[in-house]
C-alpha cells in the first residue's frame, strides 16, 4: 500500500549527518546504543506521524508520498529541504544571570530553553552566554535510512497513535477505548496518571482528535485508581481502614492472692528494767535482808 498525504502511519528510521557520518537520531534501541546516543528518557519504537502535518522535515515527508509499506529506502536531504541554512542572525548573547535565575548551568554544546524557544549553548564567557537559536541540524545534509512500517486504516488505531505521540512513556495499548456513536471514552491506565504534565497531555490529545478525527464530537477521560493485589487473582487485602474493629473488652484480671496473716501469738508479759527494780521482795529475800541487819 502506497502512502498518501494525510495518512496516519508508523515510520522507522535512522538519521545520519552526511558531513560527519555521525548518527544523531533513530527509532531503534540497538542502533542508539551502538552509536552511543542512547537515552533512558527516550522510547525507541516506530514514530507515529500524520503525513503532511510537518512533524518531520518537509523534504522527508514529500519523499514518503507513494512509498510502499515495508520497503527500505534511503533519503538524502540538503539543508534547504531539511532544517534550513544556518542564520547568523539567530545567534544571541544572553546575560549569565538569566540562566542562574532559572537554575540552569550553561555548558557549551548543551541544549536549553529560553523564552519558550529551544537553543544551543555555543560559548560561556565572563557574565555572558552565546546561544544559537538555529536548529541543531541547520546547515547539515541529512541522510535517512527508513521504512514505513504500517498505514492505519482503523479509527481505533489512529486514536491510539495520537495518544502515543502525546504520552510516549506508556504503551498505547494500555489505554482502553470506548465509543458510542460520536462519543469517545478513553480509560487512562493508572501508571499514566502519575506522569508529570499528564493533564496537559490529555488536553493536547483532545485537541488532536478534534482536529484529525472530526467525526468525534465529545471526548471523555476515565480515571480509575485500583488497590494493588497481593498476587494475580488473589482478593484484595483489607487495610486497617477497611476492617471494623470490635470494641475492646476489658480482660478479666486474675484475683490477687491475699497473703495469709498469721494468727497473733499470745503476748508474753515482760517486765521492764524499772518494773524489775520496783518488784516487791520475796519471803526468802526478806529473811536474807533481816539477817544482814542483825549482824550489823
C-alpha atoms as a PDB file:
ATOM      1  CA  UNK A   1       0.000   0.000   0.000  1.00  0.00           C
ATOM      2  CA  UNK A   2       1.475   3.356  -1.040  1.00  0.00           C
ATOM      3  CA  UNK A   3       1.453   6.258   1.448  1.00  0.00           C
ATOM      4  CA  UNK A   4      -0.594   9.359   0.685  1.00  0.00           C
ATOM      5  CA  UNK A   5      -0.878  12.853   2.137  1.00  0.00           C
ATOM      6  CA  UNK A   6      -2.941  12.780   5.315  1.00  0.00           C
ATOM      7  CA  UNK A   7      -2.191   9.135   6.093  1.00  0.00           C
ATOM      8  CA  UNK A   8      -1.671   8.039   9.687  1.00  0.00           C
ATOM      9  CA  UNK A   9       1.453   5.874   9.674  1.00  0.00           C
ATOM     10  CA  UNK A  10       4.356   4.403  11.627  1.00  0.00           C
ATOM     11  CA  UNK A  11       7.868   5.256  10.453  1.00  0.00           C
ATOM     12  CA  UNK A  12      11.149   3.573  11.335  1.00  0.00           C
ATOM     13  CA  UNK A  13      14.360   5.442  10.551  1.00  0.00           C
ATOM     14  CA  UNK A  14      17.982   6.154  11.375  1.00  0.00           C
ATOM     15  CA  UNK A  15      19.279   9.664  10.744  1.00  0.00           C
ATOM     16  CA  UNK A  16      22.922  10.495   9.995  1.00  0.00           C
ATOM     17  CA  UNK A  17      24.738  13.724   9.187  1.00  0.00           C
ATOM     18  CA  UNK A  18      26.434  13.337   5.821  1.00  0.00           C
ATOM     19  CA  UNK A  19      29.334  15.690   6.555  1.00  0.00           C
ATOM     20  CA  UNK A  20      30.465  13.815   9.682  1.00  0.00           C
ATOM     21  CA  UNK A  21      28.840  10.402   9.282  1.00  0.00           C
ATOM     22  CA  UNK A  22      27.580  10.538  12.879  1.00  0.00           C
ATOM     23  CA  UNK A  23      24.231   9.019  13.838  1.00  0.00           C
ATOM     24  CA  UNK A  24      22.109  11.672  15.543  1.00  0.00           C
ATOM     25  CA  UNK A  25      18.661  10.069  15.781  1.00  0.00           C
ATOM     26  CA  UNK A  26      16.978   6.674  15.418  1.00  0.00           C
ATOM     27  CA  UNK A  27      13.872   4.710  16.323  1.00  0.00           C
ATOM     28  CA  UNK A  28      15.931   1.567  17.019  1.00  0.00           C
ATOM     29  CA  UNK A  29      17.145   0.845  20.551  1.00  0.00           C
ATOM     30  CA  UNK A  30      20.141  -1.247  19.405  1.00  0.00           C
ATOM     31  CA  UNK A  31      21.289   1.379  16.888  1.00  0.00           C
ATOM     32  CA  UNK A  32      21.109   4.077  19.569  1.00  0.00           C
ATOM     33  CA  UNK A  33      23.290   2.019  21.919  1.00  0.00           C
ATOM     34  CA  UNK A  34      25.855   1.246  19.232  1.00  0.00           C
ATOM     35  CA  UNK A  35      26.022   4.935  18.262  1.00  0.00           C
ATOM     36  CA  UNK A  36      26.357   5.966  21.940  1.00  0.00           C
ATOM     37  CA  UNK A  37      23.321   8.242  21.747  1.00  0.00           C
ATOM     38  CA  UNK A  38      21.006   6.040  23.821  1.00  0.00           C
ATOM     39  CA  UNK A  39      18.894   7.836  26.403  1.00  0.00           C
ATOM     40  CA  UNK A  40      16.819   6.295  29.165  1.00  0.00           C
ATOM     41  CA  UNK A  41      14.281   9.089  28.691  1.00  0.00           C
ATOM     42  CA  UNK A  42      13.641   8.134  25.049  1.00  0.00           C
ATOM     43  CA  UNK A  43      11.176   5.449  23.941  1.00  0.00           C
ATOM     44  CA  UNK A  44      12.631   3.601  20.933  1.00  0.00           C
ATOM     45  CA  UNK A  45       9.839   2.388  18.652  1.00  0.00           C
ATOM     46  CA  UNK A  46       8.351   3.363  15.264  1.00  0.00           C
ATOM     47  CA  UNK A  47       7.433   7.029  15.115  1.00  0.00           C
ATOM     48  CA  UNK A  48       3.783   7.925  14.600  1.00  0.00           C
ATOM     49  CA  UNK A  49       3.170  10.757  12.119  1.00  0.00           C
ATOM     50  CA  UNK A  50       0.357  12.149  10.009  1.00  0.00           C
ATOM     51  CA  UNK A  51       1.859  12.678   6.602  1.00  0.00           C
ATOM     52  CA  UNK A  52       1.838  16.324   5.574  1.00  0.00           C
ATOM     53  CA  UNK A  53       1.399  17.805   9.076  1.00  0.00           C
ATOM     54  CA  UNK A  54       5.015  18.985   9.326  1.00  0.00           C
ATOM     55  CA  UNK A  55       6.032  16.672  12.147  1.00  0.00           C
ATOM     56  CA  UNK A  56       9.078  15.716  10.078  1.00  0.00           C
ATOM     57  CA  UNK A  57      11.141  17.890   7.650  1.00  0.00           C
ATOM     58  CA  UNK A  58       9.065  18.781   4.596  1.00  0.00           C
ATOM     59  CA  UNK A  59      11.583  17.240   2.193  1.00  0.00           C
ATOM     60  CA  UNK A  60      11.319  13.937   4.047  1.00  0.00           C
ATOM     61  CA  UNK A  61       7.508  13.947   4.068  1.00  0.00           C
ATOM     62  CA  UNK A  62       7.449  14.643   0.339  1.00  0.00           C
ATOM     63  CA  UNK A  63       9.703  11.629  -0.251  1.00  0.00           C
ATOM     64  CA  UNK A  64       7.323   9.373   1.712  1.00  0.00           C
ATOM     65  CA  UNK A  65       4.363  10.034  -0.578  1.00  0.00           C
ATOM     66  CA  UNK A  66       3.960   6.975  -2.841  1.00  0.00           C
ATOM     67  CA  UNK A  67       6.374   4.832  -0.790  1.00  0.00           C
ATOM     68  CA  UNK A  68       5.166   1.272  -0.288  1.00  0.00           C
ATOM     69  CA  UNK A  69       4.743  -0.113   3.221  1.00  0.00           C
ATOM     70  CA  UNK A  70       7.694  -2.230   4.372  1.00  0.00           C
ATOM     71  CA  UNK A  71      10.086  -1.004   1.663  1.00  0.00           C
ATOM     72  CA  UNK A  72      13.527   0.106   2.874  1.00  0.00           C
ATOM     73  CA  UNK A  73      14.857   3.270   1.275  1.00  0.00           C
ATOM     74  CA  UNK A  74      17.463   5.989   1.788  1.00  0.00           C
ATOM     75  CA  UNK A  75      16.563   9.663   1.504  1.00  0.00           C
ATOM     76  CA  UNK A  76      19.160  12.435   1.354  1.00  0.00           C
ATOM     77  CA  UNK A  77      18.095  15.975   2.223  1.00  0.00           C
ATOM     78  CA  UNK A  78      20.160  19.084   1.524  1.00  0.00           C
ATOM     79  CA  UNK A  79      19.831  21.889   4.107  1.00  0.00           C
ATOM     80  CA  UNK A  80      17.126  23.669   2.110  1.00  0.00           C
ATOM     81  CA  UNK A  81      14.966  20.507   2.261  1.00  0.00           C
ATOM     82  CA  UNK A  82      15.909  19.704   5.848  1.00  0.00           C
ATOM     83  CA  UNK A  83      16.213  22.232   8.642  1.00  0.00           C
ATOM     84  CA  UNK A  84      17.395  25.129   6.540  1.00  0.00           C
ATOM     85  CA  UNK A  85      20.672  27.015   6.273  1.00  0.00           C
ATOM     86  CA  UNK A  86      22.308  28.458   9.375  1.00  0.00           C
ATOM     87  CA  UNK A  87      21.243  32.037  10.095  1.00  0.00           C
ATOM     88  CA  UNK A  88      23.894  34.154  11.889  1.00  0.00           C
ATOM     89  CA  UNK A  89      21.102  36.481  12.982  1.00  0.00           C
ATOM     90  CA  UNK A  90      19.806  33.761  15.306  1.00  0.00           C
ATOM     91  CA  UNK A  91      22.932  33.958  17.473  1.00  0.00           C
ATOM     92  CA  UNK A  92      22.388  35.866  20.732  1.00  0.00           C
ATOM     93  CA  UNK A  93      24.385  36.986  23.779  1.00  0.00           C
ATOM     94  CA  UNK A  94      22.375  36.388  26.958  1.00  0.00           C
ATOM     95  CA  UNK A  95      23.369  37.592  30.471  1.00  0.00           C
ATOM     96  CA  UNK A  96      24.576  34.717  32.621  1.00  0.00           C
ATOM     97  CA  UNK A  97      22.302  35.838  35.456  1.00  0.00           C
ATOM     98  CA  UNK A  98      19.244  34.846  33.406  1.00  0.00           C
ATOM     99  CA  UNK A  99      20.441  31.248  33.422  1.00  0.00           C
ATOM    100  CA  UNK A 100      21.173  31.367  37.146  1.00  0.00           C
ATOM    101  CA  UNK A 101      17.715  32.764  37.854  1.00  0.00           C
ATOM    102  CA  UNK A 102      16.268  29.668  36.134  1.00  0.00           C
ATOM    103  CA  UNK A 103      18.683  27.305  37.880  1.00  0.00           C
ATOM    104  CA  UNK A 104      20.413  26.417  34.571  1.00  0.00           C
ATOM    105  CA  UNK A 105      24.125  25.724  34.338  1.00  0.00           C
ATOM    106  CA  UNK A 106      25.016  26.627  30.731  1.00  0.00           C
ATOM    107  CA  UNK A 107      27.550  24.241  29.196  1.00  0.00           C
ATOM    108  CA  UNK A 108      28.888  24.637  25.636  1.00  0.00           C
ATOM    109  CA  UNK A 109      27.031  22.244  23.353  1.00  0.00           C
ATOM    110  CA  UNK A 110      24.124  21.844  25.764  1.00  0.00           C
ATOM    111  CA  UNK A 111      20.533  22.487  24.736  1.00  0.00           C
ATOM    112  CA  UNK A 112      18.447  24.946  26.746  1.00  0.00           C
ATOM    113  CA  UNK A 113      15.072  26.640  26.508  1.00  0.00           C
ATOM    114  CA  UNK A 114      14.786  30.428  26.787  1.00  0.00           C
ATOM    115  CA  UNK A 115      11.596  32.424  26.307  1.00  0.00           C
ATOM    116  CA  UNK A 116       9.855  29.290  25.081  1.00  0.00           C
ATOM    117  CA  UNK A 117      12.435  28.700  22.322  1.00  0.00           C
ATOM    118  CA  UNK A 118      14.984  25.904  22.068  1.00  0.00           C
ATOM    119  CA  UNK A 119      18.613  27.000  21.763  1.00  0.00           C
ATOM    120  CA  UNK A 120      22.122  25.544  21.835  1.00  0.00           C
ATOM    121  CA  UNK A 121      24.819  26.999  24.091  1.00  0.00           C
ATOM    122  CA  UNK A 122      27.842  27.854  21.922  1.00  0.00           C
ATOM    123  CA  UNK A 123      30.148  29.631  24.408  1.00  0.00           C
ATOM    124  CA  UNK A 124      30.212  30.809  28.018  1.00  0.00           C
ATOM    125  CA  UNK A 125      32.148  33.984  28.851  1.00  0.00           C
ATOM    126  CA  UNK A 126      32.504  36.406  31.755  1.00  0.00           C
ATOM    127  CA  UNK A 127      28.911  37.236  32.598  1.00  0.00           C
ATOM    128  CA  UNK A 128      27.512  36.381  29.148  1.00  0.00           C
ATOM    129  CA  UNK A 129      26.483  33.257  27.267  1.00  0.00           C
ATOM    130  CA  UNK A 130      26.344  32.880  23.488  1.00  0.00           C
ATOM    131  CA  UNK A 131      23.274  30.887  22.424  1.00  0.00           C
ATOM    132  CA  UNK A 132      22.233  29.690  18.987  1.00  0.00           C
ATOM    133  CA  UNK A 133      18.524  29.621  18.102  1.00  0.00           C
ATOM    134  CA  UNK A 134      19.187  27.774  14.842  1.00  0.00           C
ATOM    135  CA  UNK A 135      18.026  24.164  14.751  1.00  0.00           C
ATOM    136  CA  UNK A 136      20.938  21.884  15.804  1.00  0.00           C
ATOM    137  CA  UNK A 137      20.832  20.269  12.333  1.00  0.00           C
ATOM    138  CA  UNK A 138      20.510  23.518  10.393  1.00  0.00           C
ATOM    139  CA  UNK A 139      23.050  23.764   7.581  1.00  0.00           C
ATOM    140  CA  UNK A 140      23.616  19.976   7.565  1.00  0.00           C
ATOM    141  CA  UNK A 141      22.916  17.440   4.837  1.00  0.00           C
ATOM    142  CA  UNK A 142      20.714  14.725   6.316  1.00  0.00           C
ATOM    143  CA  UNK A 143      20.639  11.043   5.366  1.00  0.00           C
ATOM    144  CA  UNK A 144      17.617   8.964   6.416  1.00  0.00           C
ATOM    145  CA  UNK A 145      17.557   5.165   6.209  1.00  0.00           C
ATOM    146  CA  UNK A 146      13.844   4.496   6.623  1.00  0.00           C
ATOM    147  CA  UNK A 147      10.781   2.355   6.022  1.00  0.00           C
ATOM    148  CA  UNK A 148       7.059   2.786   6.538  1.00  0.00           C
ATOM    149  CA  UNK A 149       6.010   0.044   8.938  1.00  0.00           C
ATOM    150  CA  UNK A 150       2.244   0.490   8.830  1.00  0.00           C
ATOM    151  CA  UNK A 151      -0.501   2.749   7.489  1.00  0.00           C
ATOM    152  CA  UNK A 152      -3.509   2.939   9.836  1.00  0.00           C
ATOM    153  CA  UNK A 153      -6.977   2.436   8.410  1.00  0.00           C
ATOM    154  CA  UNK A 154      -8.967   1.764  11.578  1.00  0.00           C
ATOM    155  CA  UNK A 155     -10.076   4.742  13.689  1.00  0.00           C
ATOM    156  CA  UNK A 156      -9.098   2.973  16.925  1.00  0.00           C
ATOM    157  CA  UNK A 157      -5.506   2.592  15.664  1.00  0.00           C
ATOM    158  CA  UNK A 158      -5.446   6.270  14.686  1.00  0.00           C
ATOM    159  CA  UNK A 159      -6.679   7.297  18.133  1.00  0.00           C
ATOM    160  CA  UNK A 160      -4.054   5.157  19.870  1.00  0.00           C
ATOM    161  CA  UNK A 161      -1.393   6.617  17.558  1.00  0.00           C
ATOM    162  CA  UNK A 162      -2.335  10.144  18.626  1.00  0.00           C
ATOM    163  CA  UNK A 163      -2.251   9.071  22.280  1.00  0.00           C
ATOM    164  CA  UNK A 164       1.220   7.518  21.859  1.00  0.00           C
ATOM    165  CA  UNK A 165       2.533  10.796  20.434  1.00  0.00           C
ATOM    166  CA  UNK A 166       1.418  12.732  23.500  1.00  0.00           C
ATOM    167  CA  UNK A 167       2.123  10.059  26.151  1.00  0.00           C
ATOM    168  CA  UNK A 168       5.114   8.076  24.810  1.00  0.00           C
ATOM    169  CA  UNK A 169       6.072   6.761  28.249  1.00  0.00           C
ATOM    170  CA  UNK A 170       3.096   4.363  28.394  1.00  0.00           C
ATOM    171  CA  UNK A 171       2.323   1.750  25.696  1.00  0.00           C
ATOM    172  CA  UNK A 172      -0.763   2.943  23.814  1.00  0.00           C
ATOM    173  CA  UNK A 173      -2.434  -0.482  24.037  1.00  0.00           C
ATOM    174  CA  UNK A 174      -2.883   0.097  27.784  1.00  0.00           C
ATOM    175  CA  UNK A 175      -5.402   2.841  27.021  1.00  0.00           C
ATOM    176  CA  UNK A 176      -8.887   1.336  26.702  1.00  0.00           C
ATOM    177  CA  UNK A 177     -11.216   2.965  24.169  1.00  0.00           C
ATOM    178  CA  UNK A 178     -14.992   3.020  24.295  1.00  0.00           C
ATOM    179  CA  UNK A 179     -17.038   4.619  21.515  1.00  0.00           C
ATOM    180  CA  UNK A 180     -20.771   5.124  21.203  1.00  0.00           C
ATOM    181  CA  UNK A 181     -21.898   6.948  18.103  1.00  0.00           C
ATOM    182  CA  UNK A 182     -19.805  10.141  18.130  1.00  0.00           C
ATOM    183  CA  UNK A 183     -18.853   9.996  21.797  1.00  0.00           C
ATOM    184  CA  UNK A 184     -15.419   8.671  22.746  1.00  0.00           C
ATOM    185  CA  UNK A 185     -14.290   7.482  26.173  1.00  0.00           C
ATOM    186  CA  UNK A 186     -10.593   6.930  26.909  1.00  0.00           C
ATOM    187  CA  UNK A 187      -9.769   4.899  30.000  1.00  0.00           C
ATOM    188  CA  UNK A 188      -6.394   6.110  31.242  1.00  0.00           C
ATOM    189  CA  UNK A 189      -4.154   3.428  32.839  1.00  0.00           C
ATOM    190  CA  UNK A 190      -3.202   4.183  36.409  1.00  0.00           C
ATOM    191  CA  UNK A 191       0.530   4.317  35.628  1.00  0.00           C
ATOM    192  CA  UNK A 192      -0.116   7.274  33.311  1.00  0.00           C
ATOM    193  CA  UNK A 193      -1.951   9.248  35.986  1.00  0.00           C
ATOM    194  CA  UNK A 194       1.279   9.923  37.891  1.00  0.00           C
ATOM    195  CA  UNK A 195       3.230  11.275  34.918  1.00  0.00           C
ATOM    196  CA  UNK A 196       4.331  14.880  35.054  1.00  0.00           C
ATOM    197  CA  UNK A 197       2.218  17.008  32.722  1.00  0.00           C
ATOM    198  CA  UNK A 198      -0.452  14.363  32.138  1.00  0.00           C
ATOM    199  CA  UNK A 199      -3.239  16.959  32.288  1.00  0.00           C
ATOM    200  CA  UNK A 200      -1.559  18.999  29.535  1.00  0.00           C
ATOM    201  CA  UNK A 201      -1.116  15.799  27.500  1.00  0.00           C
ATOM    202  CA  UNK A 202      -4.815  14.955  27.841  1.00  0.00           C
ATOM    203  CA  UNK A 203      -5.777  18.398  26.609  1.00  0.00           C
ATOM    204  CA  UNK A 204      -3.414  18.004  23.624  1.00  0.00           C
ATOM    205  CA  UNK A 205      -4.881  14.563  22.840  1.00  0.00           C
ATOM    206  CA  UNK A 206      -8.415  16.007  22.825  1.00  0.00           C
ATOM    207  CA  UNK A 207      -7.281  18.862  20.567  1.00  0.00           C
ATOM    208  CA  UNK A 208      -5.584  16.471  18.115  1.00  0.00           C
ATOM    209  CA  UNK A 209      -8.600  14.162  17.977  1.00  0.00           C
ATOM    210  CA  UNK A 210     -10.978  17.040  17.278  1.00  0.00           C
ATOM    211  CA  UNK A 211      -8.682  18.261  14.507  1.00  0.00           C
ATOM    212  CA  UNK A 212      -7.812  14.995  12.759  1.00  0.00           C
ATOM    213  CA  UNK A 213     -10.938  12.934  13.509  1.00  0.00           C
ATOM    214  CA  UNK A 214     -13.793  15.435  13.222  1.00  0.00           C
ATOM    215  CA  UNK A 215     -16.392  12.652  13.362  1.00  0.00           C
ATOM    216  CA  UNK A 216     -15.776  12.506  17.137  1.00  0.00           C
ATOM    217  CA  UNK A 217     -17.931  15.119  18.878  1.00  0.00           C
ATOM    218  CA  UNK A 218     -17.125  14.532  22.556  1.00  0.00           C
ATOM    219  CA  UNK A 219     -14.137  13.064  24.393  1.00  0.00           C
ATOM    220  CA  UNK A 220     -14.157  11.830  27.989  1.00  0.00           C
ATOM    221  CA  UNK A 221     -11.218  10.589  30.020  1.00  0.00           C
ATOM    222  CA  UNK A 222     -11.933   7.918  32.608  1.00  0.00           C
ATOM    223  CA  UNK A 223      -9.519   7.672  35.519  1.00  0.00           C
ATOM    224  CA  UNK A 224      -9.690   4.755  37.935  1.00  0.00           C
ATOM    225  CA  UNK A 225      -7.457   4.149  40.924  1.00  0.00           C
ATOM    226  CA  UNK A 226      -7.322   0.498  41.970  1.00  0.00           C
ATOM    227  CA  UNK A 227      -5.938  -1.186  45.017  1.00  0.00           C
ATOM    228  CA  UNK A 228      -2.961  -3.435  44.457  1.00  0.00           C
ATOM    229  CA  UNK A 229      -3.409  -7.227  44.555  1.00  0.00           C
ATOM    230  CA  UNK A 230      -1.077  -9.268  46.730  1.00  0.00           C
ATOM    231  CA  UNK A 231      -0.783 -11.712  43.818  1.00  0.00           C
ATOM    232  CA  UNK A 232      -2.575 -12.233  40.497  1.00  0.00           C
ATOM    233  CA  UNK A 233      -6.110 -13.411  41.138  1.00  0.00           C
ATOM    234  CA  UNK A 234      -5.888 -13.012  44.884  1.00  0.00           C
ATOM    235  CA  UNK A 235      -8.575 -10.995  46.705  1.00  0.00           C
ATOM    236  CA  UNK A 236      -7.717  -7.549  47.922  1.00  0.00           C
ATOM    237  CA  UNK A 237      -6.080  -7.448  51.276  1.00  0.00           C
ATOM    238  CA  UNK A 238      -8.121  -5.330  53.678  1.00  0.00           C
ATOM    239  CA  UNK A 239      -6.441  -2.273  55.070  1.00  0.00           C
ATOM    240  CA  UNK A 240      -6.730  -1.010  58.616  1.00  0.00           C
ATOM    241  CA  UNK A 241      -9.372   1.421  57.448  1.00  0.00           C
ATOM    242  CA  UNK A 242     -11.419  -1.374  55.837  1.00  0.00           C
ATOM    243  CA  UNK A 243     -11.551  -3.576  58.932  1.00  0.00           C
ATOM    244  CA  UNK A 244     -14.130  -2.634  61.544  1.00  0.00           C
ATOM    245  CA  UNK A 245     -12.533  -3.403  64.838  1.00  0.00           C
ATOM    246  CA  UNK A 246     -14.908  -4.673  67.558  1.00  0.00           C
ATOM    247  CA  UNK A 247     -14.895  -2.673  70.762  1.00  0.00           C
ATOM    248  CA  UNK A 248     -12.191  -3.818  73.055  1.00  0.00           C
ATOM    249  CA  UNK A 249     -13.375  -5.815  76.049  1.00  0.00           C
ATOM    250  CA  UNK A 250     -11.526  -5.432  79.241  1.00  0.00           C
ATOM    251  CA  UNK A 251      -9.996  -8.741  80.024  1.00  0.00           C
ATOM    252  CA  UNK A 252     -10.796 -10.183  83.404  1.00  0.00           C
ATOM    253  CA  UNK A 253      -7.782  -9.863  85.589  1.00  0.00           C
ATOM    254  CA  UNK A 254      -6.947 -12.769  87.915  1.00  0.00           C
ATOM    255  CA  UNK A 255      -7.722 -12.066  91.526  1.00  0.00           C
ATOM    256  CA  UNK A 256      -4.715 -11.162  93.560  1.00  0.00           C
ATOM    257  CA  UNK A 257      -3.766 -13.748  96.122  1.00  0.00           C
ATOM    258  CA  UNK A 258      -4.229 -12.391  99.599  1.00  0.00           C
ATOM    259  CA  UNK A 259      -1.352 -13.480 101.775  1.00  0.00           C
ATOM    260  CA  UNK A 260      -2.288 -15.406 104.866  1.00  0.00           C
ATOM    261  CA  UNK A 261      -1.967 -13.368 108.008  1.00  0.00           C
ATOM    262  CA  UNK A 262      -0.515 -15.435 110.851  1.00  0.00           C
ATOM    263  CA  UNK A 263      -2.578 -15.605 113.984  1.00  0.00           C
ATOM    264  CA  UNK A 264      -1.165 -13.304 116.645  1.00  0.00           C
ATOM    265  CA  UNK A 265       0.773 -15.012 119.368  1.00  0.00           C
ATOM    266  CA  UNK A 266      -0.199 -14.515 122.950  1.00  0.00           C
ATOM    267  CA  UNK A 267       1.921 -11.658 124.152  1.00  0.00           C
ATOM    268  CA  UNK A 268       4.364 -12.538 126.902  1.00  0.00           C
ATOM    269  CA  UNK A 269       4.324 -10.212 129.791  1.00  0.00           C
ATOM    270  CA  UNK A 270       7.799  -8.824 130.109  1.00  0.00           C
ATOM    271  CA  UNK A 271       8.854  -6.618 132.758  1.00  0.00           C
ATOM    272  CA  UNK A 272      10.867  -3.599 132.035  1.00  0.00           C
ATOM    273  CA  UNK A 273      14.002  -2.735 133.991  1.00  0.00           C
ATOM    274  CA  UNK A 274      12.031  -0.261 136.007  1.00  0.00           C
ATOM    275  CA  UNK A 275       9.417  -2.830 136.773  1.00  0.00           C
ATOM    276  CA  UNK A 276      12.091  -5.262 137.951  1.00  0.00           C
ATOM    277  CA  UNK A 277      13.603  -2.693 140.248  1.00  0.00           C
ATOM    278  CA  UNK A 278      10.271  -1.934 141.809  1.00  0.00           C
ATOM    279  CA  UNK A 279       9.209  -5.547 142.212  1.00  0.00           C
ATOM    280  CA  UNK A 280       8.401  -6.420 145.871  1.00  0.00           C
ATOM    281  CA  UNK A 281      10.867  -8.638 147.687  1.00  0.00           C
ATOM    282  CA  UNK A 282      10.009 -12.249 148.155  1.00  0.00           C
ATOM    283  CA  UNK A 283       9.903 -14.033 151.541  1.00  0.00           C
ATOM    284  CA  UNK A 284      13.382 -15.532 151.161  1.00  0.00           C
ATOM    285  CA  UNK A 285      14.791 -12.169 150.184  1.00  0.00           C
ATOM    286  CA  UNK A 286      13.201 -10.602 153.272  1.00  0.00           C
ATOM    287  CA  UNK A 287      14.831 -13.190 155.537  1.00  0.00           C
ATOM    288  CA  UNK A 288      18.190 -12.511 153.931  1.00  0.00           C
ATOM    289  CA  UNK A 289      17.807  -8.831 154.408  1.00  0.00           C
ATOM    290  CA  UNK A 290      16.756  -9.320 158.046  1.00  0.00           C
ATOM    291  CA  UNK A 291      19.849 -11.437 158.808  1.00  0.00           C
ATOM    292  CA  UNK A 292      22.059  -8.799 157.389  1.00  0.00           C
ATOM    293  CA  UNK A 293      20.550  -6.195 159.612  1.00  0.00           C
ATOM    294  CA  UNK A 294      21.098  -8.314 162.804  1.00  0.00           C
ATOM    295  CA  UNK A 295      24.736  -8.774 162.001  1.00  0.00           C
ATOM    296  CA  UNK A 296      25.203  -5.056 161.788  1.00  0.00           C
END
